[in-house]
PDB file of N, CA and C in Angstrom:
ATOM      1  N   UNK A   1      -0.975 -24.132  -7.058  1.00  0.00           N
ATOM      2  CA  UNK A   1      -1.809 -25.242  -7.464  1.00  0.00           C
ATOM      3  C   UNK A   1      -1.095 -25.990  -8.583  1.00  0.00           C
ATOM      4  N   UNK A   2      -1.102 -27.327  -8.517  1.00  0.00           N
ATOM      5  CA  UNK A   2      -0.454 -28.147  -9.529  1.00  0.00           C
ATOM      6  C   UNK A   2      -1.480 -28.905 -10.345  1.00  0.00           C
ATOM      7  N   UNK A   3      -1.094 -29.227 -11.572  1.00  0.00           N
ATOM      8  CA  UNK A   3      -1.968 -29.969 -12.452  1.00  0.00           C
ATOM      9  C   UNK A   3      -1.980 -31.442 -12.037  1.00  0.00           C
ATOM     10  N   UNK A   4      -3.143 -32.069 -12.071  1.00  0.00           N
ATOM     11  CA  UNK A   4      -3.291 -33.480 -11.739  1.00  0.00           C
ATOM     12  C   UNK A   4      -2.791 -34.318 -12.902  1.00  0.00           C
ATOM     13  N   UNK A   5      -1.740 -35.097 -12.687  1.00  0.00           N
ATOM     14  CA  UNK A   5      -1.154 -35.919 -13.747  1.00  0.00           C
ATOM     15  C   UNK A   5      -1.503 -37.387 -13.585  1.00  0.00           C
ATOM     16  N   UNK A   6      -2.459 -37.715 -12.724  1.00  0.00           N
ATOM     17  CA  UNK A   6      -2.764 -39.111 -12.440  1.00  0.00           C
ATOM     18  C   UNK A   6      -3.830 -39.696 -13.362  1.00  0.00           C
ATOM     19  N   UNK A   7      -4.590 -38.878 -14.029  1.00  0.00           N
ATOM     20  CA  UNK A   7      -5.669 -39.378 -14.885  1.00  0.00           C
ATOM     21  C   UNK A   7      -5.103 -39.880 -16.209  1.00  0.00           C
ATOM     22  N   UNK A   8      -5.373 -41.135 -16.524  1.00  0.00           N
ATOM     23  CA  UNK A   8      -4.914 -41.740 -17.772  1.00  0.00           C
ATOM     24  C   UNK A   8      -6.093 -42.472 -18.385  1.00  0.00           C
ATOM     25  N   UNK A   9      -6.271 -42.286 -19.681  1.00  0.00           N
ATOM     26  CA  UNK A   9      -7.358 -42.966 -20.377  1.00  0.00           C
ATOM     27  C   UNK A   9      -6.759 -43.676 -21.592  1.00  0.00           C
ATOM     28  N   UNK A  10      -7.063 -44.953 -21.733  1.00  0.00           N
ATOM     29  CA  UNK A  10      -6.549 -45.731 -22.848  1.00  0.00           C
ATOM     30  C   UNK A  10      -7.693 -45.980 -23.822  1.00  0.00           C
ATOM     31  N   UNK A  11      -7.430 -45.780 -25.104  1.00  0.00           N
ATOM     32  CA  UNK A  11      -8.454 -46.000 -26.109  1.00  0.00           C
ATOM     33  C   UNK A  11      -7.834 -46.100 -27.488  1.00  0.00           C
ATOM     34  N   UNK A  12      -8.691 -46.269 -28.468  1.00  0.00           N
ATOM     35  CA  UNK A  12      -8.225 -46.367 -29.844  1.00  0.00           C
ATOM     36  C   UNK A  12      -7.949 -44.973 -30.393  1.00  0.00           C
ATOM     37  N   UNK A  13      -6.966 -44.890 -31.260  1.00  0.00           N
ATOM     38  CA  UNK A  13      -6.567 -43.607 -31.833  1.00  0.00           C
ATOM     39  C   UNK A  13      -7.716 -42.955 -32.591  1.00  0.00           C
ATOM     40  N   UNK A  14      -8.530 -43.742 -33.281  1.00  0.00           N
ATOM     41  CA  UNK A  14      -9.657 -43.201 -34.049  1.00  0.00           C
ATOM     42  C   UNK A  14     -10.757 -42.630 -33.154  1.00  0.00           C
ATOM     43  N   UNK A  15     -10.795 -43.077 -31.893  1.00  0.00           N
ATOM     44  CA  UNK A  15     -11.812 -42.617 -30.957  1.00  0.00           C
ATOM     45  C   UNK A  15     -11.337 -41.429 -30.121  1.00  0.00           C
ATOM     46  N   UNK A  16     -10.196 -40.915 -30.493  1.00  0.00           N
ATOM     47  CA  UNK A  16      -9.591 -39.811 -29.747  1.00  0.00           C
ATOM     48  C   UNK A  16     -10.456 -38.556 -29.834  1.00  0.00           C
ATOM     49  N   UNK A  17     -10.542 -37.838 -28.737  1.00  0.00           N
ATOM     50  CA  UNK A  17     -11.334 -36.618 -28.700  1.00  0.00           C
ATOM     51  C   UNK A  17     -10.597 -35.432 -29.297  1.00  0.00           C
ATOM     52  N   UNK A  18     -11.233 -34.300 -29.233  1.00  0.00           N
ATOM     53  CA  UNK A  18     -10.685 -33.075 -29.781  1.00  0.00           C
ATOM     54  C   UNK A  18      -9.885 -32.351 -28.697  1.00  0.00           C
ATOM     55  N   UNK A  19      -8.580 -32.136 -28.925  1.00  0.00           N
ATOM     56  CA  UNK A  19      -7.726 -31.465 -27.939  1.00  0.00           C
ATOM     57  C   UNK A  19      -8.213 -30.053 -27.651  1.00  0.00           C
ATOM     58  N   UNK A  20      -8.615 -29.338 -28.679  1.00  0.00           N
ATOM     59  CA  UNK A  20      -9.063 -27.956 -28.490  1.00  0.00           C
ATOM     60  C   UNK A  20     -10.269 -27.902 -27.553  1.00  0.00           C
ATOM     61  N   UNK A  21     -11.226 -28.783 -27.779  1.00  0.00           N
ATOM     62  CA  UNK A  21     -12.426 -28.814 -26.932  1.00  0.00           C
ATOM     63  C   UNK A  21     -12.060 -29.166 -25.494  1.00  0.00           C
ATOM     64  N   UNK A  22     -11.116 -30.095 -25.329  1.00  0.00           N
ATOM     65  CA  UNK A  22     -10.698 -30.470 -23.980  1.00  0.00           C
ATOM     66  C   UNK A  22     -10.104 -29.273 -23.249  1.00  0.00           C
ATOM     67  N   UNK A  23      -9.155 -28.576 -23.891  1.00  0.00           N
ATOM     68  CA  UNK A  23      -8.485 -27.459 -23.212  1.00  0.00           C
ATOM     69  C   UNK A  23      -9.420 -26.286 -23.002  1.00  0.00           C
ATOM     70  N   UNK A  24     -10.405 -26.120 -23.841  1.00  0.00           N
ATOM     71  CA  UNK A  24     -11.384 -25.060 -23.627  1.00  0.00           C
ATOM     72  C   UNK A  24     -12.259 -25.364 -22.409  1.00  0.00           C
ATOM     73  N   UNK A  25     -12.393 -26.646 -22.080  1.00  0.00           N
ATOM     74  CA  UNK A  25     -13.215 -27.022 -20.934  1.00  0.00           C
ATOM     75  C   UNK A  25     -12.463 -26.898 -19.610  1.00  0.00           C
ATOM     76  N   UNK A  26     -11.147 -26.744 -19.660  1.00  0.00           N
ATOM     77  CA  UNK A  26     -10.334 -26.653 -18.448  1.00  0.00           C
ATOM     78  C   UNK A  26     -10.291 -25.213 -17.957  1.00  0.00           C
ATOM     79  N   UNK A  27     -10.173 -25.012 -16.640  1.00  0.00           N
ATOM     80  CA  UNK A  27     -10.067 -23.642 -16.106  1.00  0.00           C
ATOM     81  C   UNK A  27      -8.772 -22.984 -16.567  1.00  0.00           C
ATOM     82  N   UNK A  28      -8.774 -21.660 -16.617  1.00  0.00           N
ATOM     83  CA  UNK A  28      -7.629 -20.919 -17.160  1.00  0.00           C
ATOM     84  C   UNK A  28      -6.332 -21.238 -16.423  1.00  0.00           C
ATOM     85  N   UNK A  29      -6.379 -21.400 -15.077  1.00  0.00           N
ATOM     86  CA  UNK A  29      -5.149 -21.645 -14.329  1.00  0.00           C
ATOM     87  C   UNK A  29      -4.553 -23.005 -14.681  1.00  0.00           C
ATOM     88  N   UNK A  30      -5.387 -23.990 -15.001  1.00  0.00           N
ATOM     89  CA  UNK A  30      -4.873 -25.301 -15.401  1.00  0.00           C
ATOM     90  C   UNK A  30      -4.215 -25.217 -16.779  1.00  0.00           C
ATOM     91  N   UNK A  31      -4.775 -24.417 -17.664  1.00  0.00           N
ATOM     92  CA  UNK A  31      -4.171 -24.229 -18.997  1.00  0.00           C
ATOM     93  C   UNK A  31      -2.815 -23.544 -18.875  1.00  0.00           C
ATOM     94  N   UNK A  32      -2.732 -22.554 -17.991  1.00  0.00           N
ATOM     95  CA  UNK A  32      -1.457 -21.851 -17.786  1.00  0.00           C
ATOM     96  C   UNK A  32      -0.421 -22.795 -17.192  1.00  0.00           C
ATOM     97  N   UNK A  33      -0.818 -23.632 -16.230  1.00  0.00           N
ATOM     98  CA  UNK A  33       0.112 -24.599 -15.647  1.00  0.00           C
ATOM     99  C   UNK A  33       0.632 -25.576 -16.697  1.00  0.00           C
ATOM    100  N   UNK A  34      -0.241 -26.036 -17.571  1.00  0.00           N
ATOM    101  CA  UNK A  34       0.174 -26.963 -18.625  1.00  0.00           C
ATOM    102  C   UNK A  34       1.140 -26.275 -19.587  1.00  0.00           C
ATOM    103  N   UNK A  35       0.846 -25.044 -19.930  1.00  0.00           N
ATOM    104  CA  UNK A  35       1.728 -24.297 -20.823  1.00  0.00           C
ATOM    105  C   UNK A  35       3.101 -24.090 -20.192  1.00  0.00           C
ATOM    106  N   UNK A  36       3.133 -23.775 -18.925  1.00  0.00           N
ATOM    107  CA  UNK A  36       4.403 -23.585 -18.212  1.00  0.00           C
ATOM    108  C   UNK A  36       5.195 -24.892 -18.161  1.00  0.00           C
ATOM    109  N   UNK A  37       4.506 -26.007 -17.958  1.00  0.00           N
ATOM    110  CA  UNK A  37       5.182 -27.298 -17.941  1.00  0.00           C
ATOM    111  C   UNK A  37       5.798 -27.604 -19.310  1.00  0.00           C
ATOM    112  N   UNK A  38       5.060 -27.343 -20.368  1.00  0.00           N
ATOM    113  CA  UNK A  38       5.578 -27.569 -21.722  1.00  0.00           C
ATOM    114  C   UNK A  38       6.788 -26.676 -21.974  1.00  0.00           C
ATOM    115  N   UNK A  39       6.711 -25.407 -21.549  1.00  0.00           N
ATOM    116  CA  UNK A  39       7.825 -24.481 -21.729  1.00  0.00           C
ATOM    117  C   UNK A  39       9.069 -24.963 -20.989  1.00  0.00           C
ATOM    118  N   UNK A  40       8.907 -25.413 -19.746  1.00  0.00           N
ATOM    119  CA  UNK A  40      10.035 -25.899 -18.958  1.00  0.00           C
ATOM    120  C   UNK A  40      10.659 -27.145 -19.592  1.00  0.00           C
ATOM    121  N   UNK A  41       9.820 -28.082 -20.043  1.00  0.00           N
ATOM    122  CA  UNK A  41      10.333 -29.300 -20.680  1.00  0.00           C
ATOM    123  C   UNK A  41      11.090 -28.971 -21.962  1.00  0.00           C
ATOM    124  N   UNK A  42      10.568 -28.058 -22.752  1.00  0.00           N
ATOM    125  CA  UNK A  42      11.242 -27.658 -23.991  1.00  0.00           C
ATOM    126  C   UNK A  42      12.588 -27.021 -23.685  1.00  0.00           C
ATOM    127  N   UNK A  43      12.614 -26.111 -22.730  1.00  0.00           N
ATOM    128  CA  UNK A  43      13.878 -25.448 -22.393  1.00  0.00           C
ATOM    129  C   UNK A  43      14.906 -26.433 -21.860  1.00  0.00           C
ATOM    130  N   UNK A  44      14.472 -27.419 -21.067  1.00  0.00           N
ATOM    131  CA  UNK A  44      15.397 -28.449 -20.578  1.00  0.00           C
ATOM    132  C   UNK A  44      15.936 -29.265 -21.748  1.00  0.00           C
ATOM    133  N   UNK A  45      15.076 -29.609 -22.695  1.00  0.00           N
ATOM    134  CA  UNK A  45      15.494 -30.383 -23.854  1.00  0.00           C
ATOM    135  C   UNK A  45      16.428 -29.570 -24.757  1.00  0.00           C
ATOM    136  N   UNK A  46      16.065 -28.331 -25.013  1.00  0.00           N
ATOM    137  CA  UNK A  46      16.808 -27.490 -25.948  1.00  0.00           C
ATOM    138  C   UNK A  46      18.126 -26.988 -25.366  1.00  0.00           C
ATOM    139  N   UNK A  47      18.109 -26.558 -24.106  1.00  0.00           N
ATOM    140  CA  UNK A  47      19.282 -25.891 -23.532  1.00  0.00           C
ATOM    141  C   UNK A  47      19.935 -26.661 -22.395  1.00  0.00           C
ATOM    142  N   UNK A  48      19.372 -27.746 -21.968  1.00  0.00           N
ATOM    143  CA  UNK A  48      19.945 -28.508 -20.859  1.00  0.00           C
ATOM    144  C   UNK A  48      19.864 -27.687 -19.577  1.00  0.00           C
ATOM    145  N   UNK A  49      20.961 -27.609 -18.853  1.00  0.00           N
ATOM    146  CA  UNK A  49      20.965 -26.885 -17.582  1.00  0.00           C
ATOM    147  C   UNK A  49      21.292 -25.418 -17.763  1.00  0.00           C
ATOM    148  N   UNK A  50      21.628 -24.997 -18.989  1.00  0.00           N
ATOM    149  CA  UNK A  50      21.911 -23.580 -19.246  1.00  0.00           C
ATOM    150  C   UNK A  50      20.643 -22.754 -19.061  1.00  0.00           C
ATOM    151  N   UNK A  51      20.835 -21.507 -18.736  1.00  0.00           N
ATOM    152  CA  UNK A  51      19.688 -20.591 -18.651  1.00  0.00           C
ATOM    153  C   UNK A  51      19.723 -19.647 -19.820  1.00  0.00           C
TER     154      UNK A  51
END
């Protein structure tokens, strides 16, 4: 299962919601997918193609 990346919401910075509350409302598998994506992006940035 992949995370849906199509939802975009534009608003004012002061009207921004709470990230913690948002992620607590998401199912556990979606949180794990997001964490894995962040880990992969960081490793690509930090190490390039090296493993």
